[in-house]
Amino acid sequence: MSRTLARGTRVTGAERTQLAAELAPRYAAGESIRDLAAETGRSYGFIYNVLKEAGVPLRGRGGNTRRKKG
């Protein structure tokens, strides 16, 4: 998918379902929500919500979340 969605337009119904069907396998294959958002021209939150609404299991945050002392 290399199409960019028009910023600020509503994506609902069948179009939203189609978008979720295109993004879900890519996210499951390891692409990040940020990468998908940048490619589609939509926000992180929009992509997150589309994936969540589609029932896609979302990954936890990566990397070490605690800093080393000293």
PDB file of N, CA and C in Angstrom:
ATOM      1  N   MET A   1       0.843  -1.174   0.000  1.00  0.00           N
ATOM      2  CA  MET A   1       0.000   0.000   0.000  1.00  0.00           C
ATOM      3  C   MET A   1       0.884   1.232   0.000  1.00  0.00           C
ATOM      4  N   SER A   2       0.793   2.008  -0.997  1.00  0.00           N
ATOM      5  CA  SER A   2       1.604   3.211  -1.048  1.00  0.00           C
ATOM      6  C   SER A   2       0.740   4.450  -1.194  1.00  0.00           C
ATOM      7  N   ARG A   3      -0.568   4.292  -1.027  1.00  0.00           N
ATOM      8  CA  ARG A   3      -1.437   5.459  -1.173  1.00  0.00           C
ATOM      9  C   ARG A   3      -1.412   6.297   0.090  1.00  0.00           C
ATOM     10  N   THR A   4      -1.514   7.571  -0.083  1.00  0.00           N
ATOM     11  CA  THR A   4      -1.589   8.495   1.040  1.00  0.00           C
ATOM     12  C   THR A   4      -3.022   8.977   1.136  1.00  0.00           C
ATOM     13  N   LEU A   5      -3.572   8.907   2.323  1.00  0.00           N
ATOM     14  CA  LEU A   5      -4.938   9.353   2.531  1.00  0.00           C
ATOM     15  C   LEU A   5      -4.956  10.862   2.716  1.00  0.00           C
ATOM     16  N   ALA A   6      -5.990  11.503   2.214  1.00  0.00           N
ATOM     17  CA  ALA A   6      -6.100  12.950   2.353  1.00  0.00           C
ATOM     18  C   ALA A   6      -6.239  13.312   3.825  1.00  0.00           C
ATOM     19  N   ARG A   7      -5.408  14.210   4.263  1.00  0.00           N
ATOM     20  CA  ARG A   7      -5.392  14.593   5.664  1.00  0.00           C
ATOM     21  C   ARG A   7      -6.705  15.280   6.048  1.00  0.00           C
ATOM     22  N   GLY A   8      -7.259  14.870   7.174  1.00  0.00           N
ATOM     23  CA  GLY A   8      -8.462  15.494   7.681  1.00  0.00           C
ATOM     24  C   GLY A   8      -9.762  14.922   7.138  1.00  0.00           C
ATOM     25  N   THR A   9      -9.684  14.010   6.179  1.00  0.00           N
ATOM     26  CA  THR A   9     -10.909  13.405   5.662  1.00  0.00           C
ATOM     27  C   THR A   9     -11.330  12.260   6.570  1.00  0.00           C
ATOM     28  N   ARG A  10     -12.621  12.059   6.654  1.00  0.00           N
ATOM     29  CA  ARG A  10     -13.130  10.950   7.465  1.00  0.00           C
ATOM     30  C   ARG A  10     -13.007   9.652   6.691  1.00  0.00           C
ATOM     31  N   VAL A  11     -12.558   8.631   7.393  1.00  0.00           N
ATOM     32  CA  VAL A  11     -12.452   7.302   6.797  1.00  0.00           C
ATOM     33  C   VAL A  11     -13.400   6.422   7.597  1.00  0.00           C
ATOM     34  N   THR A  12     -14.529   6.075   6.983  1.00  0.00           N
ATOM     35  CA  THR A  12     -15.554   5.322   7.693  1.00  0.00           C
ATOM     36  C   THR A  12     -16.042   4.151   6.846  1.00  0.00           C
ATOM     37  N   GLY A  13     -16.822   3.302   7.486  1.00  0.00           N
ATOM     38  CA  GLY A  13     -17.487   2.216   6.792  1.00  0.00           C
ATOM     39  C   GLY A  13     -16.560   1.275   6.061  1.00  0.00           C
ATOM     40  N   ALA A  14     -16.915   1.003   4.811  1.00  0.00           N
ATOM     41  CA  ALA A  14     -16.174   0.032   4.003  1.00  0.00           C
ATOM     42  C   ALA A  14     -14.734   0.471   3.768  1.00  0.00           C
ATOM     43  N   GLU A  15     -14.525   1.766   3.614  1.00  0.00           N
ATOM     44  CA  GLU A  15     -13.161   2.258   3.378  1.00  0.00           C
ATOM     45  C   GLU A  15     -12.274   2.008   4.601  1.00  0.00           C
ATOM     46  N   ARG A  16     -12.831   2.191   5.790  1.00  0.00           N
ATOM     47  CA  ARG A  16     -12.075   1.956   7.027  1.00  0.00           C
ATOM     48  C   ARG A  16     -11.785   0.464   7.192  1.00  0.00           C
ATOM     49  N   THR A  17     -12.766  -0.369   6.859  1.00  0.00           N
ATOM     50  CA  THR A  17     -12.577  -1.817   6.926  1.00  0.00           C
ATOM     51  C   THR A  17     -11.500  -2.256   5.943  1.00  0.00           C
ATOM     52  N   GLN A  18     -11.524  -1.689   4.744  1.00  0.00           N
ATOM     53  CA  GLN A  18     -10.519  -2.001   3.715  1.00  0.00           C
ATOM     54  C   GLN A  18      -9.127  -1.584   4.197  1.00  0.00           C
ATOM     55  N   LEU A  19      -9.031  -0.401   4.779  1.00  0.00           N
ATOM     56  CA  LEU A  19      -7.749   0.088   5.286  1.00  0.00           C
ATOM     57  C   LEU A  19      -7.217  -0.843   6.375  1.00  0.00           C
ATOM     58  N   ALA A  20      -8.095  -1.253   7.296  1.00  0.00           N
ATOM     59  CA  ALA A  20      -7.684  -2.167   8.368  1.00  0.00           C
ATOM     60  C   ALA A  20      -7.192  -3.493   7.781  1.00  0.00           C
ATOM     61  N   ALA A  21      -7.856  -3.970   6.748  1.00  0.00           N
ATOM     62  CA  ALA A  21      -7.459  -5.230   6.115  1.00  0.00           C
ATOM     63  C   ALA A  21      -6.097  -5.113   5.441  1.00  0.00           C
ATOM     64  N   GLU A  22      -5.750  -3.924   4.969  1.00  0.00           N
ATOM     65  CA  GLU A  22      -4.444  -3.704   4.344  1.00  0.00           C
ATOM     66  C   GLU A  22      -3.344  -3.521   5.389  1.00  0.00           C
ATOM     67  N   LEU A  23      -3.670  -2.848   6.484  1.00  0.00           N
ATOM     68  CA  LEU A  23      -2.652  -2.532   7.486  1.00  0.00           C
ATOM     69  C   LEU A  23      -2.385  -3.669   8.467  1.00  0.00           C
ATOM     70  N   ALA A  24      -3.406  -4.442   8.803  1.00  0.00           N
ATOM     71  CA  ALA A  24      -3.262  -5.495   9.818  1.00  0.00           C
ATOM     72  C   ALA A  24      -2.150  -6.493   9.501  1.00  0.00           C
ATOM     73  N   PRO A  25      -2.083  -7.055   8.281  1.00  0.00           N
ATOM     74  CA  PRO A  25      -1.007  -8.019   8.033  1.00  0.00           C
ATOM     75  C   PRO A  25       0.379  -7.382   8.043  1.00  0.00           C
ATOM     76  N   ARG A  26       0.457  -6.135   7.651  1.00  0.00           N
ATOM     77  CA  ARG A  26       1.752  -5.454   7.669  1.00  0.00           C
ATOM     78  C   ARG A  26       2.213  -5.218   9.103  1.00  0.00           C
ATOM     79  N   TYR A  27       1.272  -4.834   9.987  1.00  0.00           N
ATOM     80  CA  TYR A  27       1.607  -4.645  11.393  1.00  0.00           C
ATOM     81  C   TYR A  27       1.997  -5.988  12.012  1.00  0.00           C
ATOM     82  N   ALA A  28       1.241  -7.035  11.686  1.00  0.00           N
ATOM     83  CA  ALA A  28       1.535  -8.368  12.211  1.00  0.00           C
ATOM     84  C   ALA A  28       2.894  -8.877  11.729  1.00  0.00           C
ATOM     85  N   ALA A  29       3.321  -8.418  10.545  1.00  0.00           N
ATOM     86  CA  ALA A  29       4.612  -8.831   9.992  1.00  0.00           C
ATOM     87  C   ALA A  29       5.777  -8.045  10.593  1.00  0.00           C
ATOM     88  N   GLY A  30       5.486  -7.046  11.436  1.00  0.00           N
ATOM     89  CA  GLY A  30       6.554  -6.346  12.133  1.00  0.00           C
ATOM     90  C   GLY A  30       6.673  -4.857  11.884  1.00  0.00           C
ATOM     91  N   GLU A  31       5.907  -4.308  10.952  1.00  0.00           N
ATOM     92  CA  GLU A  31       5.981  -2.860  10.729  1.00  0.00           C
ATOM     93  C   GLU A  31       5.395  -2.145  11.942  1.00  0.00           C
ATOM     94  N   SER A  32       5.908  -0.973  12.237  1.00  0.00           N
ATOM     95  CA  SER A  32       5.432  -0.229  13.389  1.00  0.00           C
ATOM     96  C   SER A  32       4.230   0.644  13.030  1.00  0.00           C
ATOM     97  N   ILE A  33       3.486   1.028  14.047  1.00  0.00           N
ATOM     98  CA  ILE A  33       2.359   1.929  13.836  1.00  0.00           C
ATOM     99  C   ILE A  33       2.878   3.255  13.289  1.00  0.00           C
ATOM    100  N   ARG A  34       4.021   3.705  13.779  1.00  0.00           N
ATOM    101  CA  ARG A  34       4.591   4.972  13.286  1.00  0.00           C
ATOM    102  C   ARG A  34       4.926   4.905  11.802  1.00  0.00           C
ATOM    103  N   ASP A  35       5.480   3.781  11.367  1.00  0.00           N
ATOM    104  CA  ASP A  35       5.799   3.616   9.943  1.00  0.00           C
ATOM    105  C   ASP A  35       4.533   3.622   9.101  1.00  0.00           C
ATOM    106  N   LEU A  36       3.512   2.912   9.554  1.00  0.00           N
ATOM    107  CA  LEU A  36       2.251   2.867   8.820  1.00  0.00           C
ATOM    108  C   LEU A  36       1.605   4.246   8.768  1.00  0.00           C
ATOM    109  N   ALA A  37       1.698   4.980   9.873  1.00  0.00           N
ATOM    110  CA  ALA A  37       1.126   6.325   9.920  1.00  0.00           C
ATOM    111  C   ALA A  37       1.847   7.254   8.950  1.00  0.00           C
ATOM    112  N   ALA A  38       3.160   7.182   8.921  1.00  0.00           N
ATOM    113  CA  ALA A  38       3.938   8.040   8.026  1.00  0.00           C
ATOM    114  C   ALA A  38       3.624   7.732   6.566  1.00  0.00           C
ATOM    115  N   GLU A  39       3.475   6.468   6.244  1.00  0.00           N
ATOM    116  CA  GLU A  39       3.221   6.089   4.861  1.00  0.00           C
ATOM    117  C   GLU A  39       1.829   6.491   4.388  1.00  0.00           C
ATOM    118  N   THR A  40       0.850   6.406   5.288  1.00  0.00           N
ATOM    119  CA  THR A  40      -0.524   6.736   4.899  1.00  0.00           C
ATOM    120  C   THR A  40      -0.842   8.215   5.054  1.00  0.00           C
ATOM    121  N   GLY A  41       0.013   8.951   5.760  1.00  0.00           N
ATOM    122  CA  GLY A  41      -0.250  10.369   5.982  1.00  0.00           C
ATOM    123  C   GLY A  41      -1.257  10.624   7.088  1.00  0.00           C
ATOM    124  N   ARG A  42      -1.498   9.613   7.902  1.00  0.00           N
ATOM    125  CA  ARG A  42      -2.435   9.766   9.020  1.00  0.00           C
ATOM    126  C   ARG A  42      -1.659   9.757  10.329  1.00  0.00           C
ATOM    127  N   SER A  43      -2.351  10.055  11.421  1.00  0.00           N
ATOM    128  CA  SER A  43      -1.687  10.133  12.713  1.00  0.00           C
ATOM    129  C   SER A  43      -1.491   8.750  13.329  1.00  0.00           C
ATOM    130  N   TYR A  44      -0.596   8.696  14.298  1.00  0.00           N
ATOM    131  CA  TYR A  44      -0.350   7.472  15.062  1.00  0.00           C
ATOM    132  C   TYR A  44      -1.667   7.005  15.685  1.00  0.00           C
ATOM    133  N   GLY A  45      -2.398   7.922  16.296  1.00  0.00           N
ATOM    134  CA  GLY A  45      -3.649   7.588  16.973  1.00  0.00           C
ATOM    135  C   GLY A  45      -4.684   7.008  16.030  1.00  0.00           C
ATOM    136  N   PHE A  46      -4.765   7.546  14.821  1.00  0.00           N
ATOM    137  CA  PHE A  46      -5.717   7.043  13.829  1.00  0.00           C
ATOM    138  C   PHE A  46      -5.395   5.592  13.483  1.00  0.00           C
ATOM    139  N   ILE A  47      -4.124   5.320  13.189  1.00  0.00           N
ATOM    140  CA  ILE A  47      -3.713   3.962  12.819  1.00  0.00           C
ATOM    141  C   ILE A  47      -3.926   3.016  13.997  1.00  0.00           C
ATOM    142  N   TYR A  48      -3.578   3.459  15.189  1.00  0.00           N
ATOM    143  CA  TYR A  48      -3.772   2.665  16.402  1.00  0.00           C
ATOM    144  C   TYR A  48      -5.244   2.274  16.545  1.00  0.00           C
ATOM    145  N   ASN A  49      -6.128   3.251  16.384  1.00  0.00           N
ATOM    146  CA  ASN A  49      -7.559   2.986  16.538  1.00  0.00           C
ATOM    147  C   ASN A  49      -8.093   2.052  15.454  1.00  0.00           C
ATOM    148  N   VAL A  50      -7.640   2.224  14.220  1.00  0.00           N
ATOM    149  CA  VAL A  50      -8.085   1.345  13.135  1.00  0.00           C
ATOM    150  C   VAL A  50      -7.671  -0.096  13.429  1.00  0.00           C
ATOM    151  N   LEU A  51      -6.431  -0.289  13.862  1.00  0.00           N
ATOM    152  CA  LEU A  51      -5.954  -1.637  14.176  1.00  0.00           C
ATOM    153  C   LEU A  51      -6.712  -2.226  15.365  1.00  0.00           C
ATOM    154  N   LYS A  52      -6.927  -1.415  16.373  1.00  0.00           N
ATOM    155  CA  LYS A  52      -7.629  -1.879  17.572  1.00  0.00           C
ATOM    156  C   LYS A  52      -9.077  -2.255  17.245  1.00  0.00           C
ATOM    157  N   GLU A  53      -9.752  -1.421  16.448  1.00  0.00           N
ATOM    158  CA  GLU A  53     -11.131  -1.705  16.048  1.00  0.00           C
ATOM    159  C   GLU A  53     -11.219  -2.997  15.234  1.00  0.00           C
ATOM    160  N   ALA A  54     -10.161  -3.306  14.486  1.00  0.00           N
ATOM    161  CA  ALA A  54     -10.139  -4.505  13.653  1.00  0.00           C
ATOM    162  C   ALA A  54      -9.796  -5.758  14.459  1.00  0.00           C
ATOM    163  N   GLY A  55      -9.507  -5.590  15.756  1.00  0.00           N
ATOM    164  CA  GLY A  55      -9.209  -6.733  16.605  1.00  0.00           C
ATOM    165  C   GLY A  55      -7.789  -7.246  16.475  1.00  0.00           C
ATOM    166  N   VAL A  56      -6.900  -6.415  15.949  1.00  0.00           N
ATOM    167  CA  VAL A  56      -5.500  -6.803  15.783  1.00  0.00           C
ATOM    168  C   VAL A  56      -4.816  -6.779  17.153  1.00  0.00           C
ATOM    169  N   PRO A  57      -4.134  -7.871  17.547  1.00  0.00           N
ATOM    170  CA  PRO A  57      -3.404  -7.839  18.820  1.00  0.00           C
ATOM    171  C   PRO A  57      -2.207  -6.898  18.704  1.00  0.00           C
ATOM    172  N   LEU A  58      -2.178  -5.893  19.562  1.00  0.00           N
ATOM    173  CA  LEU A  58      -1.121  -4.888  19.501  1.00  0.00           C
ATOM    174  C   LEU A  58       0.059  -5.298  20.362  1.00  0.00           C
ATOM    175  N   ARG A  59       1.251  -4.999  19.873  1.00  0.00           N
ATOM    176  CA  ARG A  59       2.483  -5.328  20.597  1.00  0.00           C
ATOM    177  C   ARG A  59       2.701  -4.329  21.729  1.00  0.00           C
ATOM    178  N   GLY A  60       3.441  -4.786  22.713  1.00  0.00           N
ATOM    179  CA  GLY A  60       3.825  -3.893  23.802  1.00  0.00           C
ATOM    180  C   GLY A  60       4.962  -2.989  23.357  1.00  0.00           C
ATOM    181  N   ARG A  61       5.316  -2.068  24.205  1.00  0.00           N
ATOM    182  CA  ARG A  61       6.423  -1.170  23.895  1.00  0.00           C
ATOM    183  C   ARG A  61       7.716  -1.954  23.857  1.00  0.00           C
ATOM    184  N   GLY A  62       8.595  -1.596  22.960  1.00  0.00           N
ATOM    185  CA  GLY A  62       9.851  -2.328  22.811  1.00  0.00           C
ATOM    186  C   GLY A  62      10.972  -1.734  23.633  1.00  0.00           C
ATOM    187  N   GLY A  63      12.023  -2.500  23.749  1.00  0.00           N
ATOM    188  CA  GLY A  63      13.233  -2.012  24.401  1.00  0.00           C
ATOM    189  C   GLY A  63      13.149  -2.003  25.909  1.00  0.00           C
ATOM    190  N   ASN A  64      14.251  -1.650  26.517  1.00  0.00           N
ATOM    191  CA  ASN A  64      14.349  -1.565  27.956  1.00  0.00           C
ATOM    192  C   ASN A  64      13.655  -0.296  28.418  1.00  0.00           C
ATOM    193  N   THR A  65      12.705  -0.421  29.326  1.00  0.00           N
ATOM    194  CA  THR A  65      11.968   0.749  29.780  1.00  0.00           C
ATOM    195  C   THR A  65      12.558   1.368  31.041  1.00  0.00           C
ATOM    196  N   ARG A  66      13.611   0.754  31.581  1.00  0.00           N
ATOM    197  CA  ARG A  66      14.258   1.315  32.776  1.00  0.00           C
ATOM    198  C   ARG A  66      15.690   1.709  32.448  1.00  0.00           C
ATOM    199  N   ARG A  67      16.080   2.824  32.961  1.00  0.00           N
ATOM    200  CA  ARG A  67      17.440   3.307  32.725  1.00  0.00           C
ATOM    201  C   ARG A  67      18.410   2.668  33.699  1.00  0.00           C
ATOM    202  N   LYS A  68      19.639   2.494  33.231  1.00  0.00           N
ATOM    203  CA  LYS A  68      20.694   2.000  34.117  1.00  0.00           C
ATOM    204  C   LYS A  68      21.077   3.092  35.095  1.00  0.00           C
ATOM    205  N   LYS A  69      21.382   2.701  36.301  1.00  0.00           N
ATOM    206  CA  LYS A  69      21.801   3.673  37.312  1.00  0.00           C
ATOM    207  C   LYS A  69      23.272   3.983  37.118  1.00  0.00           C
ATOM    208  N   GLY A  70      23.578   5.259  37.243  1.00  0.00           N
ATOM    209  CA  GLY A  70      24.943   5.724  37.258  1.00  0.00           C
ATOM    210  C   GLY A  70      25.689   5.559  36.034  1.00  0.00           C
TER     211      GLY A  70
END
